[in-house]
Amino acid sequence: MPSNSLRVDAVTPTIGAEISGVDLTGPLDDGTVLDIHQAMLQHQVLFFRDQAFDLDTLSAFGLRFGAPHTHPSHPDEPGHAGVMKLHTDASSKTYGGRKWHSDVTCDVEPPMASILHLHVVPETGGDTLFGNMFAAYEALSPTLQEMLANLTALHTSKANFLGYYGSKGDDLRDDDYPEAEHPVIRTHPETGRKALFVNEIFTSHIIGLEPELGRQLLEFLYRHIREPRFQCRFRWRTNSVAFWDNRSTQHLAMWDYFPETRSGHRFTVCGDRPL
């Protein structure tokens, strides 16, 4: 159960919770950290308001949940491992999160979680949508669940990282564009629940299927993932925080506020190999 000061209010019956009664910028006792972690496992994404993070306090909070994950194509902020800047303004030609995805699934060990703090937000717009991939999997027929359980898919990064980050290949974390083969259905390492684990940004194709059949199957799954019944929508305010479980969610960022500015930083927590 959450501590007396920590309040957890579900956003929808399916996904998301607003957390109040805690200052994430100060020291957190182990019990509070455990309460936050348990709330994330239950609700998949947590939302906090009025958290005046700087890079030091964002890093300190993120490190309570695991080691920092460095993005393959976007450098860490100097002196802050695992922290990357996310910024869109009137000069931006594209933006991150334009399709439904889980972060950096092209890595052999994709991130466990992401913590995004925004300190500049547009007057309206710029919402982020989150989808529960446990619920998406559980809504499939037993026959389709059984078929998907035996499939794996390739997750690649080159096309996305060239298009958005403009990576030339000489500024990459591992001197190459990562790719990895992952199960189409992932078993969550902490809860044991099963989740869909393919996404529009990184998943290239399903291994072992005839290409056209694999493409049609992925298109069906992407349409299924986008169903509103699996979703919640978060409206950002200055100094809001979203903390999501990459193992069981996907998200989509809206770019409906051009030419206004939306700016902040994300701490990403290392994960493990999907099973």
C-alpha atoms as a PDB file:
ATOM      1  CA  MET A   1       0.000   0.000   0.000  1.00  0.00           C
ATOM      2  CA  PRO A   2       1.210   3.562  -0.711  1.00  0.00           C
ATOM      3  CA  SER A   3       2.570   5.578   2.185  1.00  0.00           C
ATOM      4  CA  ASN A   4       0.173   7.910   3.977  1.00  0.00           C
ATOM      5  CA  SER A   5       1.381  11.007   2.104  1.00  0.00           C
ATOM      6  CA  LEU A   6       1.411   9.412  -1.348  1.00  0.00           C
ATOM      7  CA  ARG A   7      -1.908   9.546  -3.197  1.00  0.00           C
ATOM      8  CA  VAL A   8      -2.569   7.467  -6.327  1.00  0.00           C
ATOM      9  CA  ASP A   9      -5.560   8.465  -8.485  1.00  0.00           C
ATOM     10  CA  ALA A  10      -6.239   6.327 -11.548  1.00  0.00           C
ATOM     11  CA  VAL A  11      -6.664   8.263 -14.795  1.00  0.00           C
ATOM     12  CA  THR A  12      -8.619   5.487 -16.531  1.00  0.00           C
ATOM     13  CA  PRO A  13      -9.551   1.948 -15.478  1.00  0.00           C
ATOM     14  CA  THR A  14      -7.013   0.665 -18.027  1.00  0.00           C
ATOM     15  CA  ILE A  15      -3.880   2.808 -17.766  1.00  0.00           C
ATOM     16  CA  GLY A  16      -2.381   5.793 -16.006  1.00  0.00           C
ATOM     17  CA  ALA A  17      -2.395   7.332 -12.525  1.00  0.00           C
ATOM     18  CA  GLU A  18      -1.780  10.812 -11.138  1.00  0.00           C
ATOM     19  CA  ILE A  19       0.494  10.803  -8.094  1.00  0.00           C
ATOM     20  CA  SER A  20       0.342  13.564  -5.493  1.00  0.00           C
ATOM     21  CA  GLY A  21       1.668  14.122  -2.001  1.00  0.00           C
ATOM     22  CA  VAL A  22       5.356  13.690  -2.880  1.00  0.00           C
ATOM     23  CA  ASP A  23       8.216  16.030  -3.780  1.00  0.00           C
ATOM     24  CA  LEU A  24      10.411  14.169  -6.247  1.00  0.00           C
ATOM     25  CA  THR A  25      13.120  16.836  -6.130  1.00  0.00           C
ATOM     26  CA  GLY A  26      14.080  16.071  -2.525  1.00  0.00           C
ATOM     27  CA  PRO A  27      15.442  12.979  -0.802  1.00  0.00           C
ATOM     28  CA  LEU A  28      13.088   9.993  -1.026  1.00  0.00           C
ATOM     29  CA  ASP A  29      13.051   7.186   1.510  1.00  0.00           C
ATOM     30  CA  ASP A  30      13.115   3.591   0.326  1.00  0.00           C
ATOM     31  CA  GLY A  31       9.455   3.068   1.172  1.00  0.00           C
ATOM     32  CA  THR A  32       8.339   5.934  -1.052  1.00  0.00           C
ATOM     33  CA  VAL A  33      10.513   4.706  -3.929  1.00  0.00           C
ATOM     34  CA  LEU A  34       8.968   1.241  -3.550  1.00  0.00           C
ATOM     35  CA  ASP A  35       5.454   2.737  -3.504  1.00  0.00           C
ATOM     36  CA  ILE A  36       6.159   4.630  -6.733  1.00  0.00           C
ATOM     37  CA  HIS A  37       7.592   1.525  -8.369  1.00  0.00           C
ATOM     38  CA  GLN A  38       4.601  -0.582  -7.350  1.00  0.00           C
ATOM     39  CA  ALA A  39       2.218   2.092  -8.653  1.00  0.00           C
ATOM     40  CA  MET A  40       4.049   2.036 -11.990  1.00  0.00           C
ATOM     41  CA  LEU A  41       3.678  -1.749 -12.210  1.00  0.00           C
ATOM     42  CA  GLN A  42      -0.041  -1.428 -11.540  1.00  0.00           C
ATOM     43  CA  HIS A  43      -0.844   1.586 -13.738  1.00  0.00           C
ATOM     44  CA  GLN A  44       2.005   1.451 -16.347  1.00  0.00           C
ATOM     45  CA  VAL A  45       2.426   5.245 -16.469  1.00  0.00           C
ATOM     46  CA  LEU A  46       2.488   7.762 -13.624  1.00  0.00           C
ATOM     47  CA  PHE A  47       1.956  11.522 -13.804  1.00  0.00           C
ATOM     48  CA  PHE A  48       3.295  14.095 -11.338  1.00  0.00           C
ATOM     49  CA  ARG A  49       2.645  17.850 -11.201  1.00  0.00           C
ATOM     50  CA  ASP A  50       4.701  20.798  -9.934  1.00  0.00           C
ATOM     51  CA  GLN A  51       8.090  19.064  -9.831  1.00  0.00           C
ATOM     52  CA  ALA A  52      10.779  21.714 -10.408  1.00  0.00           C
ATOM     53  CA  PHE A  53      13.529  19.388 -11.583  1.00  0.00           C
ATOM     54  CA  ASP A  54      16.939  20.538 -12.694  1.00  0.00           C
ATOM     55  CA  LEU A  55      19.342  18.044 -14.275  1.00  0.00           C
ATOM     56  CA  ASP A  56      20.813  17.012 -10.924  1.00  0.00           C
ATOM     57  CA  THR A  57      17.480  16.282  -9.270  1.00  0.00           C
ATOM     58  CA  LEU A  58      16.125  14.517 -12.367  1.00  0.00           C
ATOM     59  CA  SER A  59      19.199  12.278 -12.412  1.00  0.00           C
ATOM     60  CA  ALA A  60      18.989  11.620  -8.684  1.00  0.00           C
ATOM     61  CA  PHE A  61      15.340  10.577  -8.975  1.00  0.00           C
ATOM     62  CA  GLY A  62      15.930   8.381 -12.012  1.00  0.00           C
ATOM     63  CA  LEU A  63      18.875   6.595 -10.424  1.00  0.00           C
ATOM     64  CA  ARG A  64      16.612   5.360  -7.609  1.00  0.00           C
ATOM     65  CA  PHE A  65      15.024   3.035 -10.188  1.00  0.00           C
ATOM     66  CA  GLY A  66      18.059   1.736 -12.040  1.00  0.00           C
ATOM     67  CA  ALA A  67      21.197   2.476 -14.018  1.00  0.00           C
ATOM     68  CA  PRO A  68      21.124   5.193 -16.706  1.00  0.00           C
ATOM     69  CA  HIS A  69      20.535   4.169 -20.316  1.00  0.00           C
ATOM     70  CA  THR A  70      22.371   6.173 -22.980  1.00  0.00           C
ATOM     71  CA  HIS A  71      20.490   6.677 -26.224  1.00  0.00           C
ATOM     72  CA  PRO A  72      22.250   5.120 -29.258  1.00  0.00           C
ATOM     73  CA  SER A  73      22.028   8.308 -31.337  1.00  0.00           C
ATOM     74  CA  HIS A  74      21.385  11.226 -28.982  1.00  0.00           C
ATOM     75  CA  PRO A  75      24.185  12.282 -26.622  1.00  0.00           C
ATOM     76  CA  ASP A  76      23.683  12.511 -22.878  1.00  0.00           C
ATOM     77  CA  GLU A  77      23.617  15.955 -21.348  1.00  0.00           C
ATOM     78  CA  PRO A  78      27.196  16.677 -20.161  1.00  0.00           C
ATOM     79  CA  GLY A  79      27.797  15.231 -16.710  1.00  0.00           C
ATOM     80  CA  HIS A  80      24.385  13.527 -16.578  1.00  0.00           C
ATOM     81  CA  ALA A  81      24.405   9.966 -17.859  1.00  0.00           C
ATOM     82  CA  GLY A  82      21.071   8.805 -19.231  1.00  0.00           C
ATOM     83  CA  VAL A  83      19.636  12.339 -19.547  1.00  0.00           C
ATOM     84  CA  MET A  84      18.740  13.645 -23.005  1.00  0.00           C
ATOM     85  CA  LYS A  85      17.214  16.932 -24.067  1.00  0.00           C
ATOM     86  CA  LEU A  86      13.901  16.915 -25.970  1.00  0.00           C
ATOM     87  CA  HIS A  87      13.134  20.239 -27.632  1.00  0.00           C
ATOM     88  CA  THR A  88      10.764  21.385 -30.369  1.00  0.00           C
ATOM     89  CA  ASP A  89      10.220  24.987 -31.498  1.00  0.00           C
ATOM     90  CA  ALA A  90       9.474  27.121 -34.555  1.00  0.00           C
ATOM     91  CA  SER A  91      12.686  26.003 -36.264  1.00  0.00           C
ATOM     92  CA  SER A  92      12.016  22.262 -35.860  1.00  0.00           C
ATOM     93  CA  LYS A  93      11.452  20.207 -39.014  1.00  0.00           C
ATOM     94  CA  THR A  94      10.350  17.035 -37.234  1.00  0.00           C
ATOM     95  CA  TYR A  95       9.941  15.732 -33.702  1.00  0.00           C
ATOM     96  CA  GLY A  96      10.359  12.604 -31.604  1.00  0.00           C
ATOM     97  CA  GLY A  97       7.499  10.270 -30.783  1.00  0.00           C
ATOM     98  CA  ARG A  98       5.493  10.891 -33.944  1.00  0.00           C
ATOM     99  CA  LYS A  99       4.285   7.262 -34.120  1.00  0.00           C
ATOM    100  CA  TRP A 100       3.215   4.765 -31.471  1.00  0.00           C
ATOM    101  CA  HIS A 101       6.302   3.162 -29.951  1.00  0.00           C
ATOM    102  CA  SER A 102       8.204   1.983 -26.908  1.00  0.00           C
ATOM    103  CA  ASP A 103      11.567   3.684 -26.442  1.00  0.00           C
ATOM    104  CA  VAL A 104      14.677   2.295 -28.166  1.00  0.00           C
ATOM    105  CA  THR A 105      13.396  -1.237 -28.766  1.00  0.00           C
ATOM    106  CA  CYS A 106      16.205  -1.537 -31.333  1.00  0.00           C
ATOM    107  CA  ASP A 107      18.569  -2.184 -28.401  1.00  0.00           C
ATOM    108  CA  VAL A 108      19.256  -5.771 -27.358  1.00  0.00           C
ATOM    109  CA  GLU A 109      18.278  -4.648 -23.853  1.00  0.00           C
ATOM    110  CA  PRO A 110      15.653  -1.896 -24.326  1.00  0.00           C
ATOM    111  CA  PRO A 111      15.064   0.602 -21.519  1.00  0.00           C
ATOM    112  CA  MET A 112      13.017  -0.463 -18.518  1.00  0.00           C
ATOM    113  CA  ALA A 113      11.450   2.951 -18.015  1.00  0.00           C
ATOM    114  CA  SER A 114      11.557   6.590 -19.079  1.00  0.00           C
ATOM    115  CA  ILE A 115      11.046   9.713 -16.951  1.00  0.00           C
ATOM    116  CA  LEU A 116      10.158  12.861 -18.905  1.00  0.00           C
ATOM    117  CA  HIS A 117      10.110  16.330 -17.321  1.00  0.00           C
ATOM    118  CA  LEU A 118       8.928  19.360 -19.296  1.00  0.00           C
ATOM    119  CA  HIS A 119       9.818  22.875 -18.167  1.00  0.00           C
ATOM    120  CA  VAL A 120       8.438  24.702 -21.229  1.00  0.00           C
ATOM    121  CA  VAL A 121       5.042  23.745 -22.647  1.00  0.00           C
ATOM    122  CA  PRO A 122       2.792  25.294 -25.310  1.00  0.00           C
ATOM    123  CA  GLU A 123      -0.341  27.155 -24.263  1.00  0.00           C
ATOM    124  CA  THR A 124      -2.405  24.250 -25.596  1.00  0.00           C
ATOM    125  CA  GLY A 125      -1.511  20.993 -27.312  1.00  0.00           C
ATOM    126  CA  GLY A 126       1.568  18.829 -27.027  1.00  0.00           C
ATOM    127  CA  ASP A 127      -0.273  16.078 -25.142  1.00  0.00           C
ATOM    128  CA  THR A 128       1.203  12.577 -24.889  1.00  0.00           C
ATOM    129  CA  LEU A 129      -0.967   9.499 -25.374  1.00  0.00           C
ATOM    130  CA  PHE A 130      -0.092   6.227 -23.644  1.00  0.00           C
ATOM    131  CA  GLY A 131      -1.335   2.733 -24.469  1.00  0.00           C
ATOM    132  CA  ASN A 132      -1.472  -0.383 -22.262  1.00  0.00           C
ATOM    133  CA  MET A 133       0.085  -3.289 -24.176  1.00  0.00           C
ATOM    134  CA  PHE A 134      -1.086  -5.816 -21.558  1.00  0.00           C
ATOM    135  CA  ALA A 135      -4.659  -4.829 -22.396  1.00  0.00           C
ATOM    136  CA  ALA A 136      -3.943  -4.876 -26.133  1.00  0.00           C
ATOM    137  CA  TYR A 137      -2.593  -8.422 -25.890  1.00  0.00           C
ATOM    138  CA  GLU A 138      -5.412  -9.646 -23.665  1.00  0.00           C
ATOM    139  CA  ALA A 139      -8.023  -8.312 -26.126  1.00  0.00           C
ATOM    140  CA  LEU A 140      -6.723 -10.605 -28.892  1.00  0.00           C
ATOM    141  CA  SER A 141      -8.402 -13.950 -29.537  1.00  0.00           C
ATOM    142  CA  PRO A 142      -6.791 -17.011 -27.889  1.00  0.00           C
ATOM    143  CA  THR A 143      -5.978 -18.400 -31.352  1.00  0.00           C
ATOM    144  CA  LEU A 144      -4.081 -15.262 -32.358  1.00  0.00           C
ATOM    145  CA  GLN A 145      -2.341 -15.102 -28.973  1.00  0.00           C
ATOM    146  CA  GLU A 146      -1.115 -18.655 -29.476  1.00  0.00           C
ATOM    147  CA  MET A 147       0.197 -17.920 -32.970  1.00  0.00           C
ATOM    148  CA  LEU A 148       1.982 -14.727 -31.941  1.00  0.00           C
ATOM    149  CA  ALA A 149       3.618 -16.447 -28.969  1.00  0.00           C
ATOM    150  CA  ASN A 150       5.933 -18.335 -31.343  1.00  0.00           C
ATOM    151  CA  LEU A 151       7.015 -15.325 -33.424  1.00  0.00           C
ATOM    152  CA  THR A 152       9.903 -12.885 -33.189  1.00  0.00           C
ATOM    153  CA  ALA A 153      10.461  -9.591 -34.999  1.00  0.00           C
ATOM    154  CA  LEU A 154      13.464  -7.511 -35.983  1.00  0.00           C
ATOM    155  CA  HIS A 155      13.714  -4.017 -34.480  1.00  0.00           C
ATOM    156  CA  THR A 156      15.989  -1.621 -36.396  1.00  0.00           C
ATOM    157  CA  SER A 157      17.060   1.979 -35.871  1.00  0.00           C
ATOM    158  CA  LYS A 158      18.860   3.380 -38.910  1.00  0.00           C
ATOM    159  CA  ALA A 159      15.896   4.854 -40.776  1.00  0.00           C
ATOM    160  CA  ASN A 160      14.484   6.544 -37.664  1.00  0.00           C
ATOM    161  CA  PHE A 161      17.765   7.865 -36.326  1.00  0.00           C
ATOM    162  CA  LEU A 162      18.825   9.244 -39.716  1.00  0.00           C
ATOM    163  CA  GLY A 163      15.449  10.889 -40.210  1.00  0.00           C
ATOM    164  CA  TYR A 164      14.991  12.454 -36.775  1.00  0.00           C
ATOM    165  CA  TYR A 165      18.384  12.814 -35.131  1.00  0.00           C
ATOM    166  CA  GLY A 166      20.346  13.278 -38.364  1.00  0.00           C
ATOM    167  CA  SER A 167      22.980  10.817 -37.165  1.00  0.00           C
ATOM    168  CA  LYS A 168      25.873  10.478 -39.585  1.00  0.00           C
ATOM    169  CA  GLY A 169      27.213   7.238 -38.147  1.00  0.00           C
ATOM    170  CA  ASP A 170      30.282   8.801 -36.519  1.00  0.00           C
ATOM    171  CA  ASP A 171      28.374  10.088 -33.490  1.00  0.00           C
ATOM    172  CA  LEU A 172      26.658   6.863 -32.465  1.00  0.00           C
ATOM    173  CA  ARG A 173      26.957   5.262 -29.048  1.00  0.00           C
ATOM    174  CA  ASP A 174      28.221   1.956 -30.450  1.00  0.00           C
ATOM    175  CA  ASP A 175      29.608   3.235 -33.786  1.00  0.00           C
ATOM    176  CA  ASP A 176      26.689   1.567 -35.568  1.00  0.00           C
ATOM    177  CA  TYR A 177      22.909   1.638 -35.765  1.00  0.00           C
ATOM    178  CA  PRO A 178      21.619  -0.985 -33.309  1.00  0.00           C
ATOM    179  CA  GLU A 179      19.131  -3.675 -34.196  1.00  0.00           C
ATOM    180  CA  ALA A 180      17.760  -6.605 -32.223  1.00  0.00           C
ATOM    181  CA  GLU A 181      15.396  -9.541 -32.545  1.00  0.00           C
ATOM    182  CA  HIS A 182      12.650  -9.604 -29.918  1.00  0.00           C
ATOM    183  CA  PRO A 183       9.578 -11.728 -29.229  1.00  0.00           C
ATOM    184  CA  VAL A 184       6.324 -10.353 -30.629  1.00  0.00           C
ATOM    185  CA  ILE A 185       4.758 -11.119 -27.240  1.00  0.00           C
ATOM    186  CA  ARG A 186       6.868 -10.077 -24.268  1.00  0.00           C
ATOM    187  CA  THR A 187       6.498 -11.482 -20.744  1.00  0.00           C
ATOM    188  CA  HIS A 188       6.963  -8.749 -18.140  1.00  0.00           C
ATOM    189  CA  PRO A 189       9.901  -9.723 -15.898  1.00  0.00           C
ATOM    190  CA  GLU A 190       8.255  -8.456 -12.698  1.00  0.00           C
ATOM    191  CA  THR A 191       4.540  -9.150 -13.107  1.00  0.00           C
ATOM    192  CA  GLY A 192       4.599 -12.119 -15.486  1.00  0.00           C
ATOM    193  CA  ARG A 193       1.874 -10.523 -17.635  1.00  0.00           C
ATOM    194  CA  LYS A 194       2.136 -10.725 -21.411  1.00  0.00           C
ATOM    195  CA  ALA A 195       2.254  -7.654 -23.649  1.00  0.00           C
ATOM    196  CA  LEU A 196       2.413  -6.890 -27.367  1.00  0.00           C
ATOM    197  CA  PHE A 197       5.976  -5.861 -28.216  1.00  0.00           C
ATOM    198  CA  VAL A 198       6.001  -4.560 -31.797  1.00  0.00           C
ATOM    199  CA  ASN A 199       5.851  -0.887 -32.729  1.00  0.00           C
ATOM    200  CA  GLU A 200       5.628   1.378 -35.766  1.00  0.00           C
ATOM    201  CA  ILE A 201       8.951   3.176 -35.314  1.00  0.00           C
ATOM    202  CA  PHE A 202      11.389   0.335 -34.749  1.00  0.00           C
ATOM    203  CA  THR A 203       9.836  -2.984 -35.847  1.00  0.00           C
ATOM    204  CA  SER A 204      11.064  -3.858 -39.330  1.00  0.00           C
ATOM    205  CA  HIS A 205       9.519  -7.255 -40.027  1.00  0.00           C
ATOM    206  CA  ILE A 206       8.492 -10.547 -38.478  1.00  0.00           C
ATOM    207  CA  ILE A 207      11.162 -13.224 -38.673  1.00  0.00           C
ATOM    208  CA  GLY A 208      10.314 -16.330 -40.709  1.00  0.00           C
ATOM    209  CA  LEU A 209       7.063 -15.108 -42.275  1.00  0.00           C
ATOM    210  CA  GLU A 210       6.580 -14.425 -45.970  1.00  0.00           C
ATOM    211  CA  PRO A 211       7.127 -10.641 -46.282  1.00  0.00           C
ATOM    212  CA  GLU A 212       3.603  -9.707 -47.406  1.00  0.00           C
ATOM    213  CA  LEU A 213       1.981 -11.850 -44.714  1.00  0.00           C
ATOM    214  CA  GLY A 214       4.271 -10.366 -42.082  1.00  0.00           C
ATOM    215  CA  ARG A 215       3.493  -6.822 -43.257  1.00  0.00           C
ATOM    216  CA  GLN A 216      -0.245  -7.416 -43.103  1.00  0.00           C
ATOM    217  CA  LEU A 217       0.027  -8.958 -39.645  1.00  0.00           C
ATOM    218  CA  LEU A 218       2.041  -5.996 -38.344  1.00  0.00           C
ATOM    219  CA  GLU A 219      -0.432  -3.525 -39.869  1.00  0.00           C
ATOM    220  CA  PHE A 220      -3.281  -5.341 -38.113  1.00  0.00           C
ATOM    221  CA  LEU A 221      -1.426  -5.224 -34.791  1.00  0.00           C
ATOM    222  CA  TYR A 222      -0.609  -1.525 -35.196  1.00  0.00           C
ATOM    223  CA  ARG A 223      -4.285  -0.713 -35.841  1.00  0.00           C
ATOM    224  CA  HIS A 224      -5.206  -2.783 -32.798  1.00  0.00           C
ATOM    225  CA  ILE A 225      -2.633  -1.016 -30.596  1.00  0.00           C
ATOM    226  CA  ARG A 226      -4.068   2.377 -31.594  1.00  0.00           C
ATOM    227  CA  GLU A 227      -7.549   1.596 -30.252  1.00  0.00           C
ATOM    228  CA  PRO A 228      -8.675   4.276 -27.737  1.00  0.00           C
ATOM    229  CA  ARG A 229      -9.909   1.662 -25.233  1.00  0.00           C
ATOM    230  CA  PHE A 230      -6.272   0.896 -24.349  1.00  0.00           C
ATOM    231  CA  GLN A 231      -5.247   4.545 -23.895  1.00  0.00           C
ATOM    232  CA  CYS A 232      -5.021   7.553 -21.655  1.00  0.00           C
ATOM    233  CA  ARG A 233      -4.012  11.091 -22.634  1.00  0.00           C
ATOM    234  CA  PHE A 234      -1.830  13.420 -20.556  1.00  0.00           C
ATOM    235  CA  ARG A 235      -2.053  17.200 -20.805  1.00  0.00           C
ATOM    236  CA  TRP A 236       1.269  18.726 -19.831  1.00  0.00           C
ATOM    237  CA  ARG A 237       1.765  21.749 -17.623  1.00  0.00           C
ATOM    238  CA  THR A 238       5.044  23.414 -16.664  1.00  0.00           C
ATOM    239  CA  ASN A 239       7.097  21.113 -14.394  1.00  0.00           C
ATOM    240  CA  SER A 240       4.976  18.041 -15.046  1.00  0.00           C
ATOM    241  CA  VAL A 241       6.570  14.587 -15.081  1.00  0.00           C
ATOM    242  CA  ALA A 242       5.543  11.359 -16.816  1.00  0.00           C
ATOM    243  CA  PHE A 243       7.165   8.089 -15.685  1.00  0.00           C
ATOM    244  CA  TRP A 244       6.321   5.091 -17.853  1.00  0.00           C
ATOM    245  CA  ASP A 245       7.144   1.392 -18.053  1.00  0.00           C
ATOM    246  CA  ASN A 246       8.616   0.721 -21.506  1.00  0.00           C
ATOM    247  CA  ARG A 247       8.048  -3.006 -21.074  1.00  0.00           C
ATOM    248  CA  SER A 248       4.255  -2.702 -21.037  1.00  0.00           C
ATOM    249  CA  THR A 249       3.356   0.597 -22.730  1.00  0.00           C
ATOM    250  CA  GLN A 250       3.613   2.512 -25.957  1.00  0.00           C
ATOM    251  CA  HIS A 251       3.244   6.255 -26.385  1.00  0.00           C
ATOM    252  CA  LEU A 252       2.628   8.926 -29.005  1.00  0.00           C
ATOM    253  CA  ALA A 253       3.531  12.614 -28.721  1.00  0.00           C
ATOM    254  CA  MET A 254       1.290  15.195 -30.406  1.00  0.00           C
ATOM    255  CA  TRP A 255       2.897  17.986 -32.454  1.00  0.00           C
ATOM    256  CA  ASP A 256      -0.166  20.193 -32.758  1.00  0.00           C
ATOM    257  CA  TYR A 257       1.381  23.318 -31.218  1.00  0.00           C
ATOM    258  CA  PHE A 258       3.743  24.570 -33.955  1.00  0.00           C
ATOM    259  CA  PRO A 259       5.371  27.153 -33.842  1.00  0.00           C
ATOM    260  CA  GLU A 260       5.289  27.173 -30.013  1.00  0.00           C
ATOM    261  CA  THR A 261       8.023  25.591 -27.897  1.00  0.00           C
ATOM    262  CA  ARG A 262       7.900  22.338 -25.948  1.00  0.00           C
ATOM    263  CA  SER A 263      11.104  21.546 -24.074  1.00  0.00           C
ATOM    264  CA  GLY A 264      12.427  19.294 -21.327  1.00  0.00           C
ATOM    265  CA  HIS A 265      14.658  16.381 -20.418  1.00  0.00           C
ATOM    266  CA  ARG A 266      14.240  12.626 -20.217  1.00  0.00           C
ATOM    267  CA  PHE A 267      16.053  10.230 -17.908  1.00  0.00           C
ATOM    268  CA  THR A 268      16.005   6.683 -19.246  1.00  0.00           C
ATOM    269  CA  VAL A 269      16.465   3.620 -17.033  1.00  0.00           C
ATOM    270  CA  CYS A 270      18.334   0.541 -18.257  1.00  0.00           C
ATOM    271  CA  GLY A 271      16.323  -2.628 -18.852  1.00  0.00           C
ATOM    272  CA  ASP A 272      16.890  -6.255 -19.740  1.00  0.00           C
ATOM    273  CA  ARG A 273      16.479  -8.518 -22.754  1.00  0.00           C
ATOM    274  CA  PRO A 274      12.806  -9.194 -23.560  1.00  0.00           C
ATOM    275  CA  LEU A 275      11.621 -12.767 -22.940  1.00  0.00           C
END
